[in-house]
Amino acid sequence: MSIERLEEYIAAADLDAINTLLGRDPALAKQKTSLNVSPLMLSCYYKQSAVTALLLNYVSDLSLFEAAAAGKFDDVAHWITTHPDTIDDYAEDGFTALGLACYFGRFDVARYLVLKGANVNLQSNNGFNVFPIHSAAAGNYTDIARMLIENGAKVNVVQQAGATPLHSAAQNGNLDLIILLLENGAEVYTRMEGGKLPADLAREKGFEEIAEILG
């Protein structure tokens, strides 16, 4: 029951309740949640940065994936230095450390992993087929997408449901990212399952000028 309560507190970003609960039972910080990820990783997925910072006080031995998601550069560097052959390993939820760093906007961690040889064109193995550049585009992280492209990331890769990075950029109305993708060969007429073009997604979100550009 306590782990379910911890999940509720994480979702609600109730710092006092989390502190009280973990003060009584600090081992909860390392238990798996109902989503089969750690409480720390769950806080990252909820994008509750204050919760993540609090949970880090209760977790000392971060996994590579937790460190990448939380932006703990020194922990990532130590892990890769001591376990270099794990750089392209998958977390239990199917993402690589690079994919997680890109999704959560951890530019320094993502750049470090790429410089150390992480595969920029390795998709998730959880059925969603998400590439690091998809993660960067979904999170609106143009700087990370640029870094990936400069290091060989393909711009027309397709994830589940047929979405390309350009689809995400169009849906988010991110003109800088759209220009970056187009300059690097992004195809504007790739259709998702169901037939939607990037321009269609932009129009649905009210980005009429972007829809016109993507035409």
N, C-alpha and C. Protein backbone atom coordinates (compact mmCIF):
# COMPACT_ATOMS: atom_id res chain seq x y z
N MET A 1 0.84 -1.21 0.00
CA MET A 1 0.00 0.00 0.00
C MET A 1 0.87 1.25 0.00
N SER A 2 2.00 1.20 0.69
CA SER A 2 2.84 2.38 0.79
C SER A 2 3.38 2.84 -0.56
N ILE A 3 3.73 1.88 -1.43
CA ILE A 3 4.27 2.28 -2.73
C ILE A 3 3.19 2.96 -3.57
N GLU A 4 1.94 2.49 -3.42
CA GLU A 4 0.83 3.15 -4.13
C GLU A 4 0.65 4.58 -3.61
N ARG A 5 0.81 4.74 -2.30
CA ARG A 5 0.68 6.07 -1.71
C ARG A 5 1.81 6.97 -2.20
N LEU A 6 3.01 6.41 -2.30
CA LEU A 6 4.14 7.19 -2.79
C LEU A 6 3.89 7.64 -4.23
N GLU A 7 3.35 6.75 -5.04
CA GLU A 7 3.02 7.12 -6.42
C GLU A 7 2.04 8.29 -6.45
N GLU A 8 1.03 8.25 -5.59
CA GLU A 8 0.05 9.33 -5.54
C GLU A 8 0.71 10.65 -5.14
N TYR A 9 1.60 10.59 -4.18
CA TYR A 9 2.28 11.81 -3.73
C TYR A 9 3.20 12.37 -4.82
N ILE A 10 3.84 11.47 -5.57
CA ILE A 10 4.71 11.91 -6.67
C ILE A 10 3.87 12.62 -7.73
N ALA A 11 2.75 12.01 -8.09
CA ALA A 11 1.88 12.60 -9.11
C ALA A 11 1.37 13.97 -8.69
N ALA A 12 1.11 14.11 -7.40
CA ALA A 12 0.58 15.38 -6.87
C ALA A 12 1.68 16.36 -6.48
N ALA A 13 2.95 15.91 -6.59
CA ALA A 13 4.10 16.74 -6.19
C ALA A 13 3.96 17.21 -4.74
N ASP A 14 3.49 16.29 -3.88
CA ASP A 14 3.32 16.60 -2.46
C ASP A 14 4.63 16.31 -1.74
N LEU A 15 5.51 17.30 -1.69
CA LEU A 15 6.85 17.10 -1.15
C LEU A 15 6.84 16.73 0.33
N ASP A 16 5.99 17.38 1.09
CA ASP A 16 5.94 17.10 2.53
C ASP A 16 5.52 15.65 2.79
N ALA A 17 4.52 15.20 2.05
CA ALA A 17 4.03 13.85 2.24
C ALA A 17 5.08 12.82 1.82
N ILE A 18 5.78 13.12 0.73
CA ILE A 18 6.85 12.22 0.28
C ILE A 18 7.94 12.13 1.34
N ASN A 19 8.32 13.27 1.86
CA ASN A 19 9.38 13.31 2.89
C ASN A 19 8.97 12.52 4.13
N THR A 20 7.74 12.70 4.53
CA THR A 20 7.24 12.00 5.72
C THR A 20 7.22 10.49 5.49
N LEU A 21 6.70 10.09 4.33
CA LEU A 21 6.59 8.66 4.02
C LEU A 21 7.97 8.01 3.92
N LEU A 22 8.89 8.64 3.22
CA LEU A 22 10.22 8.07 3.05
C LEU A 22 11.04 8.18 4.33
N GLY A 23 10.72 9.15 5.17
CA GLY A 23 11.38 9.23 6.46
C GLY A 23 11.07 8.02 7.32
N ARG A 24 9.84 7.52 7.19
CA ARG A 24 9.43 6.32 7.93
C ARG A 24 9.93 5.04 7.26
N ASP A 25 9.97 5.06 5.93
CA ASP A 25 10.34 3.84 5.19
C ASP A 25 11.18 4.22 3.97
N PRO A 26 12.46 4.54 4.16
CA PRO A 26 13.30 5.00 3.05
C PRO A 26 13.50 3.95 1.96
N ALA A 27 13.28 2.68 2.28
CA ALA A 27 13.45 1.62 1.28
C ALA A 27 12.43 1.74 0.15
N LEU A 28 11.35 2.45 0.39
CA LEU A 28 10.34 2.65 -0.66
C LEU A 28 10.92 3.36 -1.88
N ALA A 29 11.93 4.17 -1.65
CA ALA A 29 12.51 4.95 -2.76
C ALA A 29 13.13 4.06 -3.83
N LYS A 30 13.42 2.79 -3.47
CA LYS A 30 14.03 1.88 -4.44
C LYS A 30 13.07 0.79 -4.92
N GLN A 31 11.83 0.82 -4.44
CA GLN A 31 10.86 -0.17 -4.90
C GLN A 31 10.33 0.18 -6.28
N LYS A 32 9.89 -0.83 -7.00
CA LYS A 32 9.26 -0.60 -8.29
C LYS A 32 7.85 -0.07 -8.10
N THR A 33 7.45 0.87 -8.91
CA THR A 33 6.08 1.37 -8.89
C THR A 33 5.20 0.47 -9.75
N SER A 34 3.92 0.76 -9.79
CA SER A 34 2.99 -0.05 -10.58
C SER A 34 3.28 0.04 -12.08
N LEU A 35 4.03 1.06 -12.48
CA LEU A 35 4.39 1.22 -13.90
C LEU A 35 5.74 0.56 -14.21
N ASN A 36 6.25 -0.21 -13.26
CA ASN A 36 7.48 -0.98 -13.42
C ASN A 36 8.71 -0.11 -13.61
N VAL A 37 8.65 1.10 -13.07
CA VAL A 37 9.83 1.97 -13.02
C VAL A 37 10.00 2.42 -11.57
N SER A 38 11.17 2.91 -11.25
CA SER A 38 11.44 3.37 -9.89
C SER A 38 10.67 4.67 -9.59
N PRO A 39 10.48 4.99 -8.33
CA PRO A 39 9.86 6.27 -7.99
C PRO A 39 10.60 7.46 -8.61
N LEU A 40 11.92 7.40 -8.63
CA LEU A 40 12.69 8.50 -9.23
C LEU A 40 12.37 8.64 -10.71
N MET A 41 12.35 7.51 -11.43
CA MET A 41 12.03 7.58 -12.85
C MET A 41 10.60 8.05 -13.07
N LEU A 42 9.70 7.62 -12.18
CA LEU A 42 8.31 8.06 -12.29
C LEU A 42 8.21 9.57 -12.15
N SER A 43 8.97 10.14 -11.22
CA SER A 43 8.95 11.60 -11.04
C SER A 43 9.46 12.30 -12.29
N CYS A 44 10.41 11.68 -12.97
CA CYS A 44 10.91 12.26 -14.22
C CYS A 44 9.82 12.24 -15.29
N TYR A 45 9.12 11.12 -15.39
CA TYR A 45 8.05 11.03 -16.39
C TYR A 45 6.91 12.01 -16.10
N TYR A 46 6.66 12.26 -14.82
CA TYR A 46 5.66 13.26 -14.47
C TYR A 46 6.20 14.68 -14.62
N LYS A 47 7.50 14.79 -14.89
CA LYS A 47 8.18 16.08 -15.03
C LYS A 47 7.99 16.94 -13.77
N GLN A 48 8.15 16.28 -12.65
CA GLN A 48 8.08 16.94 -11.34
C GLN A 48 9.51 17.12 -10.84
N SER A 49 10.16 18.18 -11.29
CA SER A 49 11.58 18.36 -10.99
C SER A 49 11.86 18.49 -9.49
N ALA A 50 10.97 19.13 -8.76
CA ALA A 50 11.17 19.26 -7.32
C ALA A 50 11.08 17.91 -6.63
N VAL A 51 10.19 17.05 -7.11
CA VAL A 51 10.07 15.71 -6.56
C VAL A 51 11.33 14.90 -6.88
N THR A 52 11.80 15.02 -8.10
CA THR A 52 13.03 14.33 -8.49
C THR A 52 14.18 14.73 -7.58
N ALA A 53 14.31 16.03 -7.34
CA ALA A 53 15.40 16.51 -6.49
C ALA A 53 15.27 15.95 -5.07
N LEU A 54 14.05 15.86 -4.58
CA LEU A 54 13.83 15.32 -3.24
C LEU A 54 14.17 13.83 -3.19
N LEU A 55 13.72 13.08 -4.18
CA LEU A 55 13.96 11.64 -4.20
C LEU A 55 15.45 11.32 -4.30
N LEU A 56 16.20 12.20 -4.93
CA LEU A 56 17.64 11.97 -5.05
C LEU A 56 18.32 11.95 -3.68
N ASN A 57 17.68 12.55 -2.69
CA ASN A 57 18.23 12.49 -1.33
C ASN A 57 18.11 11.11 -0.72
N TYR A 58 17.22 10.29 -1.29
CA TYR A 58 16.97 8.96 -0.74
C TYR A 58 17.56 7.83 -1.60
N VAL A 59 18.14 8.19 -2.75
CA VAL A 59 18.68 7.18 -3.65
C VAL A 59 20.14 7.52 -3.95
N SER A 60 21.03 6.65 -3.57
CA SER A 60 22.46 6.94 -3.76
C SER A 60 23.05 6.21 -4.97
N ASP A 61 22.57 5.00 -5.23
CA ASP A 61 23.14 4.20 -6.31
C ASP A 61 22.21 4.22 -7.52
N LEU A 62 22.30 5.29 -8.29
CA LEU A 62 21.44 5.44 -9.46
C LEU A 62 21.84 4.46 -10.56
N SER A 63 20.83 3.97 -11.28
CA SER A 63 21.12 3.22 -12.50
C SER A 63 21.52 4.21 -13.59
N LEU A 64 22.09 3.71 -14.65
CA LEU A 64 22.44 4.57 -15.79
C LEU A 64 21.21 5.32 -16.28
N PHE A 65 20.09 4.64 -16.31
CA PHE A 65 18.88 5.21 -16.88
C PHE A 65 18.28 6.28 -15.96
N GLU A 66 18.30 6.02 -14.67
CA GLU A 66 17.84 7.04 -13.72
C GLU A 66 18.72 8.27 -13.79
N ALA A 67 20.03 8.06 -13.87
CA ALA A 67 20.96 9.19 -13.92
C ALA A 67 20.76 10.00 -15.19
N ALA A 68 20.54 9.33 -16.30
CA ALA A 68 20.32 10.03 -17.57
C ALA A 68 19.03 10.82 -17.53
N ALA A 69 17.97 10.21 -17.02
CA ALA A 69 16.67 10.89 -16.96
C ALA A 69 16.69 12.08 -16.02
N ALA A 70 17.41 11.94 -14.91
CA ALA A 70 17.45 13.01 -13.91
C ALA A 70 18.51 14.06 -14.20
N GLY A 71 19.32 13.83 -15.23
CA GLY A 71 20.34 14.80 -15.60
C GLY A 71 21.54 14.81 -14.66
N LYS A 72 21.84 13.67 -14.05
CA LYS A 72 22.97 13.56 -13.13
C LYS A 72 24.23 13.20 -13.93
N PHE A 73 24.87 14.24 -14.44
CA PHE A 73 25.98 14.06 -15.38
C PHE A 73 27.11 13.22 -14.78
N ASP A 74 27.51 13.52 -13.56
CA ASP A 74 28.64 12.81 -12.96
C ASP A 74 28.34 11.33 -12.79
N ASP A 75 27.11 11.01 -12.44
CA ASP A 75 26.74 9.60 -12.29
C ASP A 75 26.75 8.88 -13.64
N VAL A 76 26.25 9.57 -14.67
CA VAL A 76 26.28 8.98 -16.02
C VAL A 76 27.73 8.75 -16.45
N ALA A 77 28.57 9.75 -16.25
CA ALA A 77 29.97 9.64 -16.66
C ALA A 77 30.68 8.51 -15.92
N HIS A 78 30.41 8.39 -14.64
CA HIS A 78 31.04 7.31 -13.86
C HIS A 78 30.57 5.95 -14.36
N TRP A 79 29.28 5.85 -14.63
CA TRP A 79 28.73 4.58 -15.09
C TRP A 79 29.36 4.18 -16.43
N ILE A 80 29.42 5.12 -17.37
CA ILE A 80 29.96 4.80 -18.70
C ILE A 80 31.46 4.53 -18.62
N THR A 81 32.15 5.22 -17.74
CA THR A 81 33.58 4.98 -17.57
C THR A 81 33.84 3.56 -17.05
N THR A 82 33.00 3.11 -16.14
CA THR A 82 33.21 1.80 -15.53
C THR A 82 32.48 0.67 -16.27
N HIS A 83 31.46 1.02 -17.04
CA HIS A 83 30.71 0.00 -17.80
C HIS A 83 30.48 0.49 -19.23
N PRO A 84 31.53 0.72 -20.00
CA PRO A 84 31.38 1.32 -21.34
C PRO A 84 30.54 0.49 -22.30
N ASP A 85 30.48 -0.83 -22.06
CA ASP A 85 29.73 -1.69 -22.98
C ASP A 85 28.22 -1.62 -22.75
N THR A 86 27.77 -0.84 -21.76
CA THR A 86 26.34 -0.74 -21.48
C THR A 86 25.71 0.51 -22.09
N ILE A 87 26.46 1.26 -22.86
CA ILE A 87 25.99 2.58 -23.31
C ILE A 87 24.71 2.50 -24.14
N ASP A 88 24.54 1.40 -24.88
CA ASP A 88 23.33 1.26 -25.70
C ASP A 88 22.35 0.24 -25.12
N ASP A 89 22.50 -0.08 -23.84
CA ASP A 89 21.56 -0.99 -23.20
C ASP A 89 20.18 -0.34 -23.09
N TYR A 90 19.19 -1.18 -22.88
CA TYR A 90 17.82 -0.71 -22.72
C TYR A 90 17.37 -0.78 -21.26
N ALA A 91 16.66 0.25 -20.84
CA ALA A 91 15.99 0.21 -19.54
C ALA A 91 14.81 -0.76 -19.61
N GLU A 92 14.24 -1.08 -18.46
CA GLU A 92 13.12 -2.02 -18.45
C GLU A 92 11.91 -1.49 -19.21
N ASP A 93 11.81 -0.17 -19.35
CA ASP A 93 10.68 0.37 -20.11
C ASP A 93 11.01 0.54 -21.59
N GLY A 94 12.20 0.04 -22.00
CA GLY A 94 12.49 -0.05 -23.42
C GLY A 94 13.27 1.09 -24.04
N PHE A 95 13.72 2.06 -23.25
CA PHE A 95 14.45 3.20 -23.79
C PHE A 95 15.94 3.11 -23.44
N THR A 96 16.77 3.66 -24.31
CA THR A 96 18.19 3.76 -24.02
C THR A 96 18.45 4.98 -23.14
N ALA A 97 19.65 5.02 -22.58
CA ALA A 97 20.01 6.19 -21.77
C ALA A 97 19.98 7.45 -22.63
N LEU A 98 20.44 7.34 -23.88
CA LEU A 98 20.41 8.51 -24.77
C LEU A 98 18.97 8.94 -25.05
N GLY A 99 18.11 7.97 -25.30
CA GLY A 99 16.71 8.30 -25.55
C GLY A 99 16.08 9.02 -24.38
N LEU A 100 16.39 8.57 -23.16
CA LEU A 100 15.84 9.21 -21.96
C LEU A 100 16.41 10.61 -21.79
N ALA A 101 17.71 10.77 -21.99
CA ALA A 101 18.32 12.10 -21.86
C ALA A 101 17.70 13.07 -22.85
N CYS A 102 17.43 12.60 -24.06
CA CYS A 102 16.81 13.47 -25.07
C CYS A 102 15.39 13.83 -24.70
N TYR A 103 14.64 12.86 -24.21
CA TYR A 103 13.24 13.11 -23.89
C TYR A 103 13.09 14.09 -22.74
N PHE A 104 13.99 14.01 -21.77
CA PHE A 104 13.89 14.88 -20.60
C PHE A 104 14.71 16.15 -20.72
N GLY A 105 15.28 16.39 -21.90
CA GLY A 105 15.97 17.66 -22.14
C GLY A 105 17.31 17.79 -21.45
N ARG A 106 18.00 16.69 -21.23
CA ARG A 106 19.31 16.70 -20.56
C ARG A 106 20.40 16.82 -21.61
N PHE A 107 20.62 18.04 -22.07
CA PHE A 107 21.53 18.26 -23.20
C PHE A 107 22.94 17.77 -22.89
N ASP A 108 23.50 18.16 -21.76
CA ASP A 108 24.88 17.79 -21.44
C ASP A 108 25.05 16.28 -21.36
N VAL A 109 24.08 15.60 -20.78
CA VAL A 109 24.14 14.14 -20.69
C VAL A 109 24.03 13.53 -22.08
N ALA A 110 23.09 14.03 -22.88
CA ALA A 110 22.91 13.49 -24.22
C ALA A 110 24.18 13.68 -25.06
N ARG A 111 24.75 14.86 -24.99
CA ARG A 111 25.98 15.12 -25.77
C ARG A 111 27.12 14.22 -25.30
N TYR A 112 27.24 14.03 -24.00
CA TYR A 112 28.29 13.16 -23.47
C TYR A 112 28.11 11.73 -23.99
N LEU A 113 26.90 11.23 -23.93
CA LEU A 113 26.65 9.87 -24.38
C LEU A 113 26.97 9.71 -25.86
N VAL A 114 26.61 10.70 -26.65
CA VAL A 114 26.92 10.65 -28.09
C VAL A 114 28.43 10.68 -28.30
N LEU A 115 29.11 11.55 -27.59
CA LEU A 115 30.57 11.62 -27.73
C LEU A 115 31.25 10.32 -27.31
N LYS A 116 30.61 9.58 -26.41
CA LYS A 116 31.16 8.31 -25.95
C LYS A 116 30.72 7.14 -26.83
N GLY A 117 29.96 7.44 -27.88
CA GLY A 117 29.64 6.40 -28.85
C GLY A 117 28.23 5.86 -28.83
N ALA A 118 27.32 6.49 -28.10
CA ALA A 118 25.94 6.02 -28.11
C ALA A 118 25.37 6.11 -29.52
N ASN A 119 24.59 5.12 -29.90
CA ASN A 119 24.00 5.04 -31.23
C ASN A 119 22.84 6.03 -31.35
N VAL A 120 23.01 7.05 -32.16
CA VAL A 120 21.97 8.08 -32.28
C VAL A 120 20.77 7.58 -33.09
N ASN A 121 20.92 6.44 -33.76
CA ASN A 121 19.83 5.91 -34.58
C ASN A 121 19.31 4.57 -34.04
N LEU A 122 19.36 4.42 -32.73
CA LEU A 122 18.86 3.20 -32.08
C LEU A 122 17.51 3.50 -31.44
N GLN A 123 16.47 2.83 -31.96
CA GLN A 123 15.13 3.10 -31.44
C GLN A 123 14.84 2.29 -30.19
N SER A 124 13.78 2.68 -29.48
CA SER A 124 13.36 1.94 -28.30
C SER A 124 12.90 0.54 -28.72
N ASN A 125 12.96 -0.39 -27.78
CA ASN A 125 12.57 -1.77 -28.10
C ASN A 125 11.29 -2.18 -27.40
N ASN A 126 10.44 -1.20 -27.14
CA ASN A 126 9.19 -1.44 -26.41
C ASN A 126 7.95 -1.43 -27.30
N GLY A 127 8.18 -1.48 -28.61
CA GLY A 127 7.05 -1.47 -29.54
C GLY A 127 6.69 -0.09 -30.06
N PHE A 128 7.19 0.96 -29.39
CA PHE A 128 6.89 2.32 -29.85
C PHE A 128 7.89 2.79 -30.91
N ASN A 129 9.04 2.12 -30.99
CA ASN A 129 10.06 2.43 -32.00
C ASN A 129 10.46 3.91 -31.99
N VAL A 130 10.66 4.43 -30.80
CA VAL A 130 11.01 5.84 -30.64
C VAL A 130 12.53 6.00 -30.74
N PHE A 131 12.97 6.83 -31.68
CA PHE A 131 14.38 7.15 -31.84
C PHE A 131 14.72 8.36 -30.96
N PRO A 132 16.00 8.55 -30.62
CA PRO A 132 16.37 9.72 -29.83
C PRO A 132 15.88 11.04 -30.41
N ILE A 133 15.91 11.16 -31.74
CA ILE A 133 15.47 12.43 -32.34
C ILE A 133 13.96 12.62 -32.19
N HIS A 134 13.21 11.51 -32.14
CA HIS A 134 11.77 11.63 -31.84
C HIS A 134 11.58 12.19 -30.43
N SER A 135 12.40 11.67 -29.50
CA SER A 135 12.28 12.12 -28.11
C SER A 135 12.59 13.60 -27.98
N ALA A 136 13.64 14.04 -28.67
CA ALA A 136 14.02 15.46 -28.64
C ALA A 136 12.92 16.32 -29.24
N ALA A 137 12.34 15.86 -30.35
CA ALA A 137 11.28 16.63 -31.01
C ALA A 137 10.03 16.69 -30.15
N ALA A 138 9.68 15.56 -29.52
CA ALA A 138 8.48 15.53 -28.68
C ALA A 138 8.62 16.48 -27.50
N GLY A 139 9.84 16.60 -26.98
CA GLY A 139 10.07 17.48 -25.84
C GLY A 139 10.35 18.92 -26.21
N ASN A 140 10.40 19.20 -27.52
CA ASN A 140 10.65 20.57 -27.99
C ASN A 140 12.10 21.01 -27.74
N TYR A 141 13.02 20.07 -27.75
CA TYR A 141 14.42 20.39 -27.46
C TYR A 141 15.21 20.50 -28.76
N THR A 142 15.15 21.69 -29.34
CA THR A 142 15.80 21.93 -30.63
C THR A 142 17.31 21.76 -30.54
N ASP A 143 17.91 22.21 -29.41
CA ASP A 143 19.36 22.10 -29.28
C ASP A 143 19.81 20.65 -29.28
N ILE A 144 19.04 19.78 -28.64
CA ILE A 144 19.39 18.36 -28.63
C ILE A 144 19.20 17.76 -30.02
N ALA A 145 18.12 18.12 -30.69
CA ALA A 145 17.90 17.61 -32.04
C ALA A 145 19.04 18.03 -32.96
N ARG A 146 19.49 19.26 -32.83
CA ARG A 146 20.60 19.73 -33.67
C ARG A 146 21.87 18.93 -33.39
N MET A 147 22.15 18.69 -32.12
CA MET A 147 23.32 17.91 -31.76
C MET A 147 23.24 16.50 -32.34
N LEU A 148 22.06 15.89 -32.26
CA LEU A 148 21.89 14.55 -32.81
C LEU A 148 22.11 14.53 -34.31
N ILE A 149 21.54 15.50 -35.00
CA ILE A 149 21.69 15.56 -36.45
C ILE A 149 23.15 15.76 -36.83
N GLU A 150 23.83 16.63 -36.10
CA GLU A 150 25.25 16.86 -36.37
C GLU A 150 26.09 15.60 -36.17
N ASN A 151 25.53 14.65 -35.42
CA ASN A 151 26.23 13.39 -35.16
C ASN A 151 25.60 12.21 -35.89
N GLY A 152 24.88 12.51 -36.96
CA GLY A 152 24.43 11.45 -37.85
C GLY A 152 23.01 10.95 -37.68
N ALA A 153 22.21 11.60 -36.85
CA ALA A 153 20.83 11.14 -36.67
C ALA A 153 20.04 11.33 -37.96
N LYS A 154 19.28 10.32 -38.33
CA LYS A 154 18.43 10.40 -39.51
C LYS A 154 17.15 11.17 -39.16
N VAL A 155 16.72 12.03 -40.07
CA VAL A 155 15.59 12.91 -39.74
C VAL A 155 14.24 12.36 -40.19
N ASN A 156 14.23 11.33 -41.02
CA ASN A 156 12.96 10.81 -41.52
C ASN A 156 12.58 9.47 -40.92
N VAL A 157 13.17 9.14 -39.78
CA VAL A 157 12.82 7.89 -39.12
C VAL A 157 11.37 7.94 -38.63
N VAL A 158 10.76 6.77 -38.58
CA VAL A 158 9.33 6.68 -38.27
C VAL A 158 9.13 5.87 -37.00
N GLN A 159 8.34 6.42 -36.09
CA GLN A 159 7.98 5.68 -34.88
C GLN A 159 6.59 5.10 -35.03
N GLN A 160 6.09 4.50 -33.95
CA GLN A 160 4.77 3.89 -33.99
C GLN A 160 3.74 4.90 -34.51
N ALA A 161 2.81 4.40 -35.28
CA ALA A 161 1.74 5.21 -35.88
C ALA A 161 2.26 6.07 -37.02
N GLY A 162 3.53 5.88 -37.41
CA GLY A 162 4.04 6.54 -38.61
C GLY A 162 4.53 7.96 -38.42
N ALA A 163 4.70 8.40 -37.18
CA ALA A 163 5.11 9.78 -36.93
C ALA A 163 6.61 9.96 -37.15
N THR A 164 6.97 11.06 -37.80
CA THR A 164 8.37 11.46 -37.96
C THR A 164 8.66 12.61 -37.00
N PRO A 165 9.93 12.97 -36.83
CA PRO A 165 10.25 14.14 -36.01
C PRO A 165 9.54 15.41 -36.50
N LEU A 166 9.35 15.51 -37.80
CA LEU A 166 8.68 16.70 -38.35
C LEU A 166 7.22 16.76 -37.91
N HIS A 167 6.58 15.61 -37.80
CA HIS A 167 5.21 15.60 -37.28
C HIS A 167 5.16 16.22 -35.88
N SER A 168 6.09 15.81 -35.02
CA SER A 168 6.11 16.34 -33.65
C SER A 168 6.41 17.83 -33.64
N ALA A 169 7.38 18.25 -34.43
CA ALA A 169 7.75 19.66 -34.47
C ALA A 169 6.58 20.52 -34.96
N ALA A 170 5.86 20.00 -35.94
CA ALA A 170 4.71 20.72 -36.48
C ALA A 170 3.59 20.81 -35.44
N GLN A 171 3.35 19.70 -34.75
CA GLN A 171 2.30 19.69 -33.73
C GLN A 171 2.61 20.63 -32.58
N ASN A 172 3.91 20.78 -32.28
CA ASN A 172 4.33 21.68 -31.20
C ASN A 172 4.48 23.12 -31.66
N GLY A 173 4.39 23.35 -32.95
CA GLY A 173 4.55 24.71 -33.46
C GLY A 173 5.96 25.24 -33.31
N ASN A 174 6.94 24.34 -33.34
CA ASN A 174 8.34 24.72 -33.12
C ASN A 174 9.00 25.05 -34.46
N LEU A 175 8.96 26.33 -34.82
CA LEU A 175 9.45 26.74 -36.12
C LEU A 175 10.96 26.51 -36.27
N ASP A 176 11.71 26.78 -35.21
CA ASP A 176 13.16 26.58 -35.28
C ASP A 176 13.50 25.12 -35.57
N LEU A 177 12.81 24.23 -34.93
CA LEU A 177 13.06 22.81 -35.15
C LEU A 177 12.59 22.39 -36.54
N ILE A 178 11.47 22.92 -36.97
CA ILE A 178 10.97 22.62 -38.32
C ILE A 178 12.00 23.03 -39.36
N ILE A 179 12.54 24.24 -39.22
CA ILE A 179 13.55 24.72 -40.17
C ILE A 179 14.78 23.82 -40.14
N LEU A 180 15.22 23.45 -38.93
CA LEU A 180 16.37 22.57 -38.79
C LEU A 180 16.14 21.24 -39.50
N LEU A 181 14.98 20.68 -39.31
CA LEU A 181 14.66 19.39 -39.94
C LEU A 181 14.58 19.52 -41.45
N LEU A 182 13.93 20.58 -41.92
CA LEU A 182 13.81 20.78 -43.37
C LEU A 182 15.17 20.99 -44.01
N GLU A 183 16.04 21.74 -43.35
CA GLU A 183 17.38 21.98 -43.88
C GLU A 183 18.20 20.70 -43.96
N ASN A 184 17.79 19.72 -43.20
CA ASN A 184 18.52 18.45 -43.19
C ASN A 184 17.75 17.32 -43.87
N GLY A 185 16.82 17.71 -44.73
CA GLY A 185 16.18 16.73 -45.61
C GLY A 185 14.89 16.12 -45.12
N ALA A 186 14.25 16.72 -44.15
CA ALA A 186 12.98 16.16 -43.68
C ALA A 186 11.93 16.21 -44.79
N GLU A 187 11.18 15.14 -44.91
CA GLU A 187 10.15 15.03 -45.94
C GLU A 187 8.82 15.55 -45.41
N VAL A 188 8.22 16.48 -46.14
CA VAL A 188 6.98 17.11 -45.66
C VAL A 188 5.74 16.31 -46.01
N TYR A 189 5.86 15.34 -46.91
CA TYR A 189 4.66 14.63 -47.36
C TYR A 189 4.57 13.20 -46.83
N THR A 190 5.30 12.91 -45.76
CA THR A 190 5.15 11.62 -45.11
C THR A 190 3.88 11.63 -44.28
N ARG A 191 3.05 10.62 -44.49
CA ARG A 191 1.77 10.54 -43.78
C ARG A 191 1.85 9.54 -42.63
N MET A 192 1.25 9.92 -41.52
CA MET A 192 1.09 9.00 -40.40
C MET A 192 0.02 7.97 -40.75
N GLU A 193 -0.08 6.93 -39.94
CA GLU A 193 -1.22 6.03 -40.07
C GLU A 193 -2.49 6.86 -39.89
N GLY A 194 -3.40 6.73 -40.80
CA GLY A 194 -4.58 7.58 -40.77
C GLY A 194 -4.47 8.71 -41.76
N GLY A 195 -3.25 8.92 -42.30
CA GLY A 195 -3.08 9.83 -43.43
C GLY A 195 -2.66 11.24 -43.13
N LYS A 196 -2.42 11.58 -41.87
CA LYS A 196 -2.11 12.98 -41.56
C LYS A 196 -0.68 13.35 -41.88
N LEU A 197 -0.55 14.51 -42.51
CA LEU A 197 0.75 15.12 -42.81
C LEU A 197 1.18 16.01 -41.65
N PRO A 198 2.46 16.38 -41.58
CA PRO A 198 2.88 17.37 -40.58
C PRO A 198 2.04 18.65 -40.64
N ALA A 199 1.72 19.10 -41.85
CA ALA A 199 0.91 20.31 -42.00
C ALA A 199 -0.47 20.17 -41.36
N ASP A 200 -1.02 18.97 -41.44
CA ASP A 200 -2.34 18.72 -40.86
C ASP A 200 -2.29 18.87 -39.34
N LEU A 201 -1.22 18.35 -38.73
CA LEU A 201 -1.09 18.44 -37.27
C LEU A 201 -0.90 19.89 -36.84
N ALA A 202 -0.13 20.65 -37.61
CA ALA A 202 0.06 22.06 -37.29
C ALA A 202 -1.26 22.81 -37.37
N ARG A 203 -2.02 22.52 -38.39
CA ARG A 203 -3.30 23.21 -38.59
C ARG A 203 -4.27 22.88 -37.46
N GLU A 204 -4.29 21.63 -37.03
CA GLU A 204 -5.18 21.23 -35.94
C GLU A 204 -4.87 21.98 -34.65
N LYS A 205 -3.60 22.34 -34.47
CA LYS A 205 -3.19 23.06 -33.26
C LYS A 205 -3.27 24.58 -33.42
N GLY A 206 -3.71 25.02 -34.57
CA GLY A 206 -3.87 26.46 -34.79
C GLY A 206 -2.64 27.16 -35.31
N PHE A 207 -1.64 26.40 -35.74
CA PHE A 207 -0.41 26.99 -36.28
C PHE A 207 -0.55 27.12 -37.80
N GLU A 208 -1.36 28.08 -38.21
CA GLU A 208 -1.72 28.21 -39.63
C GLU A 208 -0.53 28.56 -40.50
N GLU A 209 0.35 29.46 -39.99
CA GLU A 209 1.49 29.86 -40.79
C GLU A 209 2.44 28.69 -41.02
N ILE A 210 2.63 27.89 -39.99
CA ILE A 210 3.47 26.71 -40.12
C ILE A 210 2.84 25.71 -41.07
N ALA A 211 1.54 25.57 -41.00
CA ALA A 211 0.84 24.66 -41.92
C ALA A 211 1.05 25.10 -43.37
N GLU A 212 1.03 26.42 -43.58
CA GLU A 212 1.25 26.93 -44.93
C GLU A 212 2.67 26.64 -45.40
N ILE A 213 3.63 26.80 -44.50
CA ILE A 213 5.03 26.52 -44.86
C ILE A 213 5.21 25.07 -45.25
N LEU A 214 4.53 24.17 -44.51
CA LEU A 214 4.68 22.75 -44.76
C LEU A 214 3.78 22.25 -45.89
N GLY A 215 2.85 23.10 -46.25
CA GLY A 215 2.00 22.99 -47.38
C GLY A 215 1.33 21.81 -47.86
